[in-house]
Amino acid sequence: MSMRETAVNIVNLMSDEQLAGFICLFKEMVSDIPNEETLAAMEEAESLLKDPNATKFSSVEDLFAELMS
């Protein structure tokens, strides 16, 4: 039996109250995992930080001043 099948069997044996607790627990755990778009943005940010030619700002005000110009 696969792990997925085992998990489904366990979930099927739970009462509604147990299932609600299970969902709360795992929903919180899964929400902490970044999706592909977020991971790509994080990688891009890391690359920009390492790029000596990338424009960098010392404050949010400087960033917005550049954006507004």
PDB file of N, CA and C in Angstrom:
ATOM      1  N   MET A   1       0.855  -1.173   0.000  1.00  0.00           N
ATOM      2  CA  MET A   1       0.000   0.000   0.000  1.00  0.00           C
ATOM      3  C   MET A   1       0.903   1.239   0.000  1.00  0.00           C
ATOM      4  N   SER A   2       0.577   2.217  -0.847  1.00  0.00           N
ATOM      5  CA  SER A   2       1.388   3.437  -0.932  1.00  0.00           C
ATOM      6  C   SER A   2       1.135   4.338   0.280  1.00  0.00           C
ATOM      7  N   MET A   3       2.012   5.293   0.462  1.00  0.00           N
ATOM      8  CA  MET A   3       1.853   6.255   1.561  1.00  0.00           C
ATOM      9  C   MET A   3       0.553   7.044   1.390  1.00  0.00           C
ATOM     10  N   ARG A   4       0.233   7.399   0.145  1.00  0.00           N
ATOM     11  CA  ARG A   4      -0.993   8.157  -0.129  1.00  0.00           C
ATOM     12  C   ARG A   4      -2.224   7.333   0.246  1.00  0.00           C
ATOM     13  N   GLU A   5      -2.216   6.066  -0.131  1.00  0.00           N
ATOM     14  CA  GLU A   5      -3.344   5.184   0.203  1.00  0.00           C
ATOM     15  C   GLU A   5      -3.465   5.019   1.717  1.00  0.00           C
ATOM     16  N   THR A   6      -2.351   4.887   2.395  1.00  0.00           N
ATOM     17  CA  THR A   6      -2.363   4.771   3.855  1.00  0.00           C
ATOM     18  C   THR A   6      -2.948   6.030   4.476  1.00  0.00           C
ATOM     19  N   ALA A   7      -2.533   7.202   3.980  1.00  0.00           N
ATOM     20  CA  ALA A   7      -3.048   8.469   4.510  1.00  0.00           C
ATOM     21  C   ALA A   7      -4.553   8.582   4.285  1.00  0.00           C
ATOM     22  N   VAL A   8      -5.017   8.199   3.105  1.00  0.00           N
ATOM     23  CA  VAL A   8      -6.455   8.254   2.805  1.00  0.00           C
ATOM     24  C   VAL A   8      -7.217   7.326   3.739  1.00  0.00           C
ATOM     25  N   ASN A   9      -6.690   6.139   3.974  1.00  0.00           N
ATOM     26  CA  ASN A   9      -7.342   5.201   4.895  1.00  0.00           C
ATOM     27  C   ASN A   9      -7.431   5.768   6.303  1.00  0.00           C
ATOM     28  N   ILE A  10      -6.372   6.417   6.761  1.00  0.00           N
ATOM     29  CA  ILE A  10      -6.368   7.013   8.098  1.00  0.00           C
ATOM     30  C   ILE A  10      -7.404   8.132   8.175  1.00  0.00           C
ATOM     31  N   VAL A  11      -7.422   8.991   7.169  1.00  0.00           N
ATOM     32  CA  VAL A  11      -8.387  10.100   7.147  1.00  0.00           C
ATOM     33  C   VAL A  11      -9.813   9.563   7.135  1.00  0.00           C
ATOM     34  N   ASN A  12     -10.044   8.510   6.390  1.00  0.00           N
ATOM     35  CA  ASN A  12     -11.396   7.930   6.320  1.00  0.00           C
ATOM     36  C   ASN A  12     -11.856   7.356   7.660  1.00  0.00           C
ATOM     37  N   LEU A  13     -10.932   7.006   8.527  1.00  0.00           N
ATOM     38  CA  LEU A  13     -11.292   6.455   9.836  1.00  0.00           C
ATOM     39  C   LEU A  13     -11.546   7.542  10.894  1.00  0.00           C
ATOM     40  N   MET A  14     -11.212   8.789  10.585  1.00  0.00           N
ATOM     41  CA  MET A  14     -11.340   9.876  11.556  1.00  0.00           C
ATOM     42  C   MET A  14     -12.788  10.340  11.703  1.00  0.00           C
ATOM     43  N   SER A  15     -13.101  10.756  12.924  1.00  0.00           N
ATOM     44  CA  SER A  15     -14.397  11.395  13.157  1.00  0.00           C
ATOM     45  C   SER A  15     -14.342  12.801  12.565  1.00  0.00           C
ATOM     46  N   ASP A  16     -15.478  13.459  12.447  1.00  0.00           N
ATOM     47  CA  ASP A  16     -15.504  14.826  11.920  1.00  0.00           C
ATOM     48  C   ASP A  16     -14.667  15.764  12.790  1.00  0.00           C
ATOM     49  N   GLU A  17     -14.713  15.571  14.092  1.00  0.00           N
ATOM     50  CA  GLU A  17     -13.937  16.405  15.016  1.00  0.00           C
ATOM     51  C   GLU A  17     -12.433  16.185  14.815  1.00  0.00           C
ATOM     52  N   GLN A  18     -12.035  14.937  14.707  1.00  0.00           N
ATOM     53  CA  GLN A  18     -10.626  14.627  14.455  1.00  0.00           C
ATOM     54  C   GLN A  18     -10.175  15.180  13.111  1.00  0.00           C
ATOM     55  N   LEU A  19     -11.021  15.052  12.109  1.00  0.00           N
ATOM     56  CA  LEU A  19     -10.693  15.542  10.776  1.00  0.00           C
ATOM     57  C   LEU A  19     -10.532  17.062  10.775  1.00  0.00           C
ATOM     58  N   ALA A  20     -11.381  17.771  11.518  1.00  0.00           N
ATOM     59  CA  ALA A  20     -11.266  19.231  11.613  1.00  0.00           C
ATOM     60  C   ALA A  20      -9.917  19.622  12.224  1.00  0.00           C
ATOM     61  N   GLY A  21      -9.491  18.927  13.271  1.00  0.00           N
ATOM     62  CA  GLY A  21      -8.194  19.190  13.882  1.00  0.00           C
ATOM     63  C   GLY A  21      -7.049  18.877  12.937  1.00  0.00           C
ATOM     64  N   PHE A  22      -7.174  17.783  12.226  1.00  0.00           N
ATOM     65  CA  PHE A  22      -6.165  17.374  11.248  1.00  0.00           C
ATOM     66  C   PHE A  22      -6.021  18.441  10.167  1.00  0.00           C
ATOM     67  N   ILE A  23      -7.147  18.921   9.654  1.00  0.00           N
ATOM     68  CA  ILE A  23      -7.123  19.943   8.603  1.00  0.00           C
ATOM     69  C   ILE A  23      -6.479  21.220   9.115  1.00  0.00           C
ATOM     70  N   CYS A  24      -6.836  21.645  10.319  1.00  0.00           N
ATOM     71  CA  CYS A  24      -6.231  22.863  10.897  1.00  0.00           C
ATOM     72  C   CYS A  24      -4.717  22.719  10.999  1.00  0.00           C
ATOM     73  N   LEU A  25      -4.261  21.606  11.486  1.00  0.00           N
ATOM     74  CA  LEU A  25      -2.831  21.378  11.664  1.00  0.00           C
ATOM     75  C   LEU A  25      -2.095  21.408  10.331  1.00  0.00           C
ATOM     76  N   PHE A  26      -2.566  20.643   9.371  1.00  0.00           N
ATOM     77  CA  PHE A  26      -1.849  20.531   8.111  1.00  0.00           C
ATOM     78  C   PHE A  26      -2.044  21.737   7.201  1.00  0.00           C
ATOM     79  N   LYS A  27      -3.170  22.420   7.323  1.00  0.00           N
ATOM     80  CA  LYS A  27      -3.391  23.628   6.535  1.00  0.00           C
ATOM     81  C   LYS A  27      -2.355  24.680   6.921  1.00  0.00           C
ATOM     82  N   GLU A  28      -2.078  24.801   8.211  1.00  0.00           N
ATOM     83  CA  GLU A  28      -1.071  25.752   8.690  1.00  0.00           C
ATOM     84  C   GLU A  28       0.318  25.355   8.206  1.00  0.00           C
ATOM     85  N   MET A  29       0.633  24.073   8.236  1.00  0.00           N
ATOM     86  CA  MET A  29       1.948  23.606   7.788  1.00  0.00           C
ATOM     87  C   MET A  29       2.142  23.865   6.299  1.00  0.00           C
ATOM     88  N   VAL A  30       1.127  23.583   5.494  1.00  0.00           N
ATOM     89  CA  VAL A  30       1.229  23.729   4.046  1.00  0.00           C
ATOM     90  C   VAL A  30       1.270  25.200   3.657  1.00  0.00           C
ATOM     91  N   SER A  31       0.598  26.070   4.401  1.00  0.00           N
ATOM     92  CA  SER A  31       0.580  27.485   4.046  1.00  0.00           C
ATOM     93  C   SER A  31       1.958  28.120   4.190  1.00  0.00           C
ATOM     94  N   ASP A  32       2.858  27.499   4.934  1.00  0.00           N
ATOM     95  CA  ASP A  32       4.211  28.020   5.113  1.00  0.00           C
ATOM     96  C   ASP A  32       5.141  27.637   3.967  1.00  0.00           C
ATOM     97  N   ILE A  33       4.686  26.808   3.061  1.00  0.00           N
ATOM     98  CA  ILE A  33       5.514  26.362   1.943  1.00  0.00           C
ATOM     99  C   ILE A  33       5.293  27.309   0.770  1.00  0.00           C
ATOM    100  N   PRO A  34       6.348  27.993   0.316  1.00  0.00           N
ATOM    101  CA  PRO A  34       6.170  28.927  -0.794  1.00  0.00           C
ATOM    102  C   PRO A  34       5.827  28.203  -2.099  1.00  0.00           C
ATOM    103  N   ASN A  35       4.955  28.842  -2.910  1.00  0.00           N
ATOM    104  CA  ASN A  35       4.613  28.263  -4.204  1.00  0.00           C
ATOM    105  C   ASN A  35       5.718  28.580  -5.215  1.00  0.00           C
ATOM    106  N   GLU A  36       5.572  28.080  -6.444  1.00  0.00           N
ATOM    107  CA  GLU A  36       6.623  28.240  -7.454  1.00  0.00           C
ATOM    108  C   GLU A  36       6.901  29.704  -7.779  1.00  0.00           C
ATOM    109  N   GLU A  37       5.850  30.513  -7.855  1.00  0.00           N
ATOM    110  CA  GLU A  37       6.023  31.931  -8.174  1.00  0.00           C
ATOM    111  C   GLU A  37       6.821  32.637  -7.080  1.00  0.00           C
ATOM    112  N   THR A  38       6.509  32.331  -5.829  1.00  0.00           N
ATOM    113  CA  THR A  38       7.225  32.933  -4.711  1.00  0.00           C
ATOM    114  C   THR A  38       8.678  32.476  -4.699  1.00  0.00           C
ATOM    115  N   LEU A  39       8.910  31.190  -4.943  1.00  0.00           N
ATOM    116  CA  LEU A  39      10.284  30.680  -4.993  1.00  0.00           C
ATOM    117  C   LEU A  39      11.090  31.367  -6.090  1.00  0.00           C
ATOM    118  N   ALA A  40      10.461  31.571  -7.247  1.00  0.00           N
ATOM    119  CA  ALA A  40      11.146  32.249  -8.355  1.00  0.00           C
ATOM    120  C   ALA A  40      11.487  33.688  -7.971  1.00  0.00           C
ATOM    121  N   ALA A  41      10.566  34.373  -7.306  1.00  0.00           N
ATOM    122  CA  ALA A  41      10.817  35.746  -6.870  1.00  0.00           C
ATOM    123  C   ALA A  41      11.944  35.798  -5.846  1.00  0.00           C
ATOM    124  N   MET A  42      11.993  34.821  -4.962  1.00  0.00           N
ATOM    125  CA  MET A  42      13.052  34.770  -3.955  1.00  0.00           C
ATOM    126  C   MET A  42      14.411  34.540  -4.625  1.00  0.00           C
ATOM    127  N   GLU A  43      14.445  33.664  -5.624  1.00  0.00           N
ATOM    128  CA  GLU A  43      15.698  33.407  -6.358  1.00  0.00           C
ATOM    129  C   GLU A  43      16.140  34.655  -7.117  1.00  0.00           C
ATOM    130  N   GLU A  44      15.182  35.362  -7.719  1.00  0.00           N
ATOM    131  CA  GLU A  44      15.508  36.593  -8.437  1.00  0.00           C
ATOM    132  C   GLU A  44      16.073  37.638  -7.473  1.00  0.00           C
ATOM    133  N   ALA A  45      15.474  37.762  -6.309  1.00  0.00           N
ATOM    134  CA  ALA A  45      15.964  38.725  -5.319  1.00  0.00           C
ATOM    135  C   ALA A  45      17.387  38.382  -4.883  1.00  0.00           C
ATOM    136  N   GLU A  46      17.658  37.108  -4.659  1.00  0.00           N
ATOM    137  CA  GLU A  46      19.011  36.682  -4.292  1.00  0.00           C
ATOM    138  C   GLU A  46      20.014  37.016  -5.397  1.00  0.00           C
ATOM    139  N   SER A  47      19.618  36.776  -6.641  1.00  0.00           N
ATOM    140  CA  SER A  47      20.493  37.082  -7.770  1.00  0.00           C
ATOM    141  C   SER A  47      20.781  38.576  -7.856  1.00  0.00           C
ATOM    142  N   LEU A  48      19.746  39.396  -7.666  1.00  0.00           N
ATOM    143  CA  LEU A  48      19.926  40.845  -7.726  1.00  0.00           C
ATOM    144  C   LEU A  48      20.846  41.341  -6.610  1.00  0.00           C
ATOM    145  N   LEU A  49      20.728  40.738  -5.442  1.00  0.00           N
ATOM    146  CA  LEU A  49      21.594  41.136  -4.325  1.00  0.00           C
ATOM    147  C   LEU A  49      23.066  40.852  -4.622  1.00  0.00           C
ATOM    148  N   LYS A  50      23.310  39.794  -5.380  1.00  0.00           N
ATOM    149  CA  LYS A  50      24.687  39.404  -5.709  1.00  0.00           C
ATOM    150  C   LYS A  50      25.232  40.126  -6.942  1.00  0.00           C
ATOM    151  N   ASP A  51      24.336  40.769  -7.714  1.00  0.00           N
ATOM    152  CA  ASP A  51      24.727  41.432  -8.957  1.00  0.00           C
ATOM    153  C   ASP A  51      25.274  42.833  -8.661  1.00  0.00           C
ATOM    154  N   PRO A  52      26.562  43.060  -8.899  1.00  0.00           N
ATOM    155  CA  PRO A  52      27.143  44.370  -8.603  1.00  0.00           C
ATOM    156  C   PRO A  52      26.602  45.478  -9.508  1.00  0.00           C
ATOM    157  N   ASN A  53      25.998  45.126 -10.645  1.00  0.00           N
ATOM    158  CA  ASN A  53      25.464  46.120 -11.572  1.00  0.00           C
ATOM    159  C   ASN A  53      23.986  46.438 -11.344  1.00  0.00           C
ATOM    160  N   ALA A  54      23.343  45.718 -10.439  1.00  0.00           N
ATOM    161  CA  ALA A  54      21.927  45.948 -10.169  1.00  0.00           C
ATOM    162  C   ALA A  54      21.752  47.244  -9.380  1.00  0.00           C
ATOM    163  N   THR A  55      20.687  47.973  -9.709  1.00  0.00           N
ATOM    164  CA  THR A  55      20.381  49.200  -8.969  1.00  0.00           C
ATOM    165  C   THR A  55      19.902  48.820  -7.575  1.00  0.00           C
ATOM    166  N   LYS A  56      20.492  49.483  -6.591  1.00  0.00           N
ATOM    167  CA  LYS A  56      20.121  49.216  -5.200  1.00  0.00           C
ATOM    168  C   LYS A  56      19.727  50.537  -4.543  1.00  0.00           C
ATOM    169  N   PHE A  57      18.825  50.470  -3.585  1.00  0.00           N
ATOM    170  CA  PHE A  57      18.338  51.650  -2.885  1.00  0.00           C
ATOM    171  C   PHE A  57      18.604  51.503  -1.404  1.00  0.00           C
ATOM    172  N   SER A  58      18.926  52.613  -0.761  1.00  0.00           N
ATOM    173  CA  SER A  58      19.221  52.566   0.671  1.00  0.00           C
ATOM    174  C   SER A  58      17.968  52.762   1.519  1.00  0.00           C
ATOM    175  N   SER A  59      16.855  53.169   0.871  1.00  0.00           N
ATOM    176  CA  SER A  59      15.610  53.346   1.617  1.00  0.00           C
ATOM    177  C   SER A  59      14.427  53.191   0.672  1.00  0.00           C
ATOM    178  N   VAL A  60      13.280  52.993   1.250  1.00  0.00           N
ATOM    179  CA  VAL A  60      12.047  52.894   0.472  1.00  0.00           C
ATOM    180  C   VAL A  60      11.765  54.236  -0.198  1.00  0.00           C
ATOM    181  N   GLU A  61      12.075  55.311   0.508  1.00  0.00           N
ATOM    182  CA  GLU A  61      11.868  56.644  -0.060  1.00  0.00           C
ATOM    183  C   GLU A  61      12.679  56.825  -1.342  1.00  0.00           C
ATOM    184  N   ASP A  62      13.929  56.362  -1.328  1.00  0.00           N
ATOM    185  CA  ASP A  62      14.775  56.450  -2.529  1.00  0.00           C
ATOM    186  C   ASP A  62      14.194  55.616  -3.669  1.00  0.00           C
ATOM    187  N   LEU A  63      13.690  54.455  -3.343  1.00  0.00           N
ATOM    188  CA  LEU A  63      13.067  53.600  -4.351  1.00  0.00           C
ATOM    189  C   LEU A  63      11.884  54.306  -4.990  1.00  0.00           C
ATOM    190  N   PHE A  64      10.992  54.862  -4.161  1.00  0.00           N
ATOM    191  CA  PHE A  64       9.814  55.528  -4.703  1.00  0.00           C
ATOM    192  C   PHE A  64      10.184  56.789  -5.466  1.00  0.00           C
ATOM    193  N   ALA A  65      11.201  57.502  -5.026  1.00  0.00           N
ATOM    194  CA  ALA A  65      11.658  58.690  -5.751  1.00  0.00           C
ATOM    195  C   ALA A  65      12.100  58.286  -7.153  1.00  0.00           C
ATOM    196  N   GLU A  66      12.809  57.181  -7.264  1.00  0.00           N
ATOM    197  CA  GLU A  66      13.253  56.678  -8.570  1.00  0.00           C
ATOM    198  C   GLU A  66      12.074  56.257  -9.419  1.00  0.00           C
ATOM    199  N   LEU A  67      11.103  55.590  -8.805  1.00  0.00           N
ATOM    200  CA  LEU A  67       9.931  55.139  -9.544  1.00  0.00           C
ATOM    201  C   LEU A  67       9.087  56.307 -10.061  1.00  0.00           C
ATOM    202  N   MET A  68       9.044  57.384  -9.307  1.00  0.00           N
ATOM    203  CA  MET A  68       8.225  58.532  -9.678  1.00  0.00           C
ATOM    204  C   MET A  68       8.909  59.453 -10.684  1.00  0.00           C
ATOM    205  N   SER A  69      10.211  59.258 -10.888  1.00  0.00           N
ATOM    206  CA  SER A  69      10.928  60.163 -11.807  1.00  0.00           C
ATOM    207  C   SER A  69      10.806  59.732 -13.251  1.00  0.00           C
TER     208      SER A  69
END
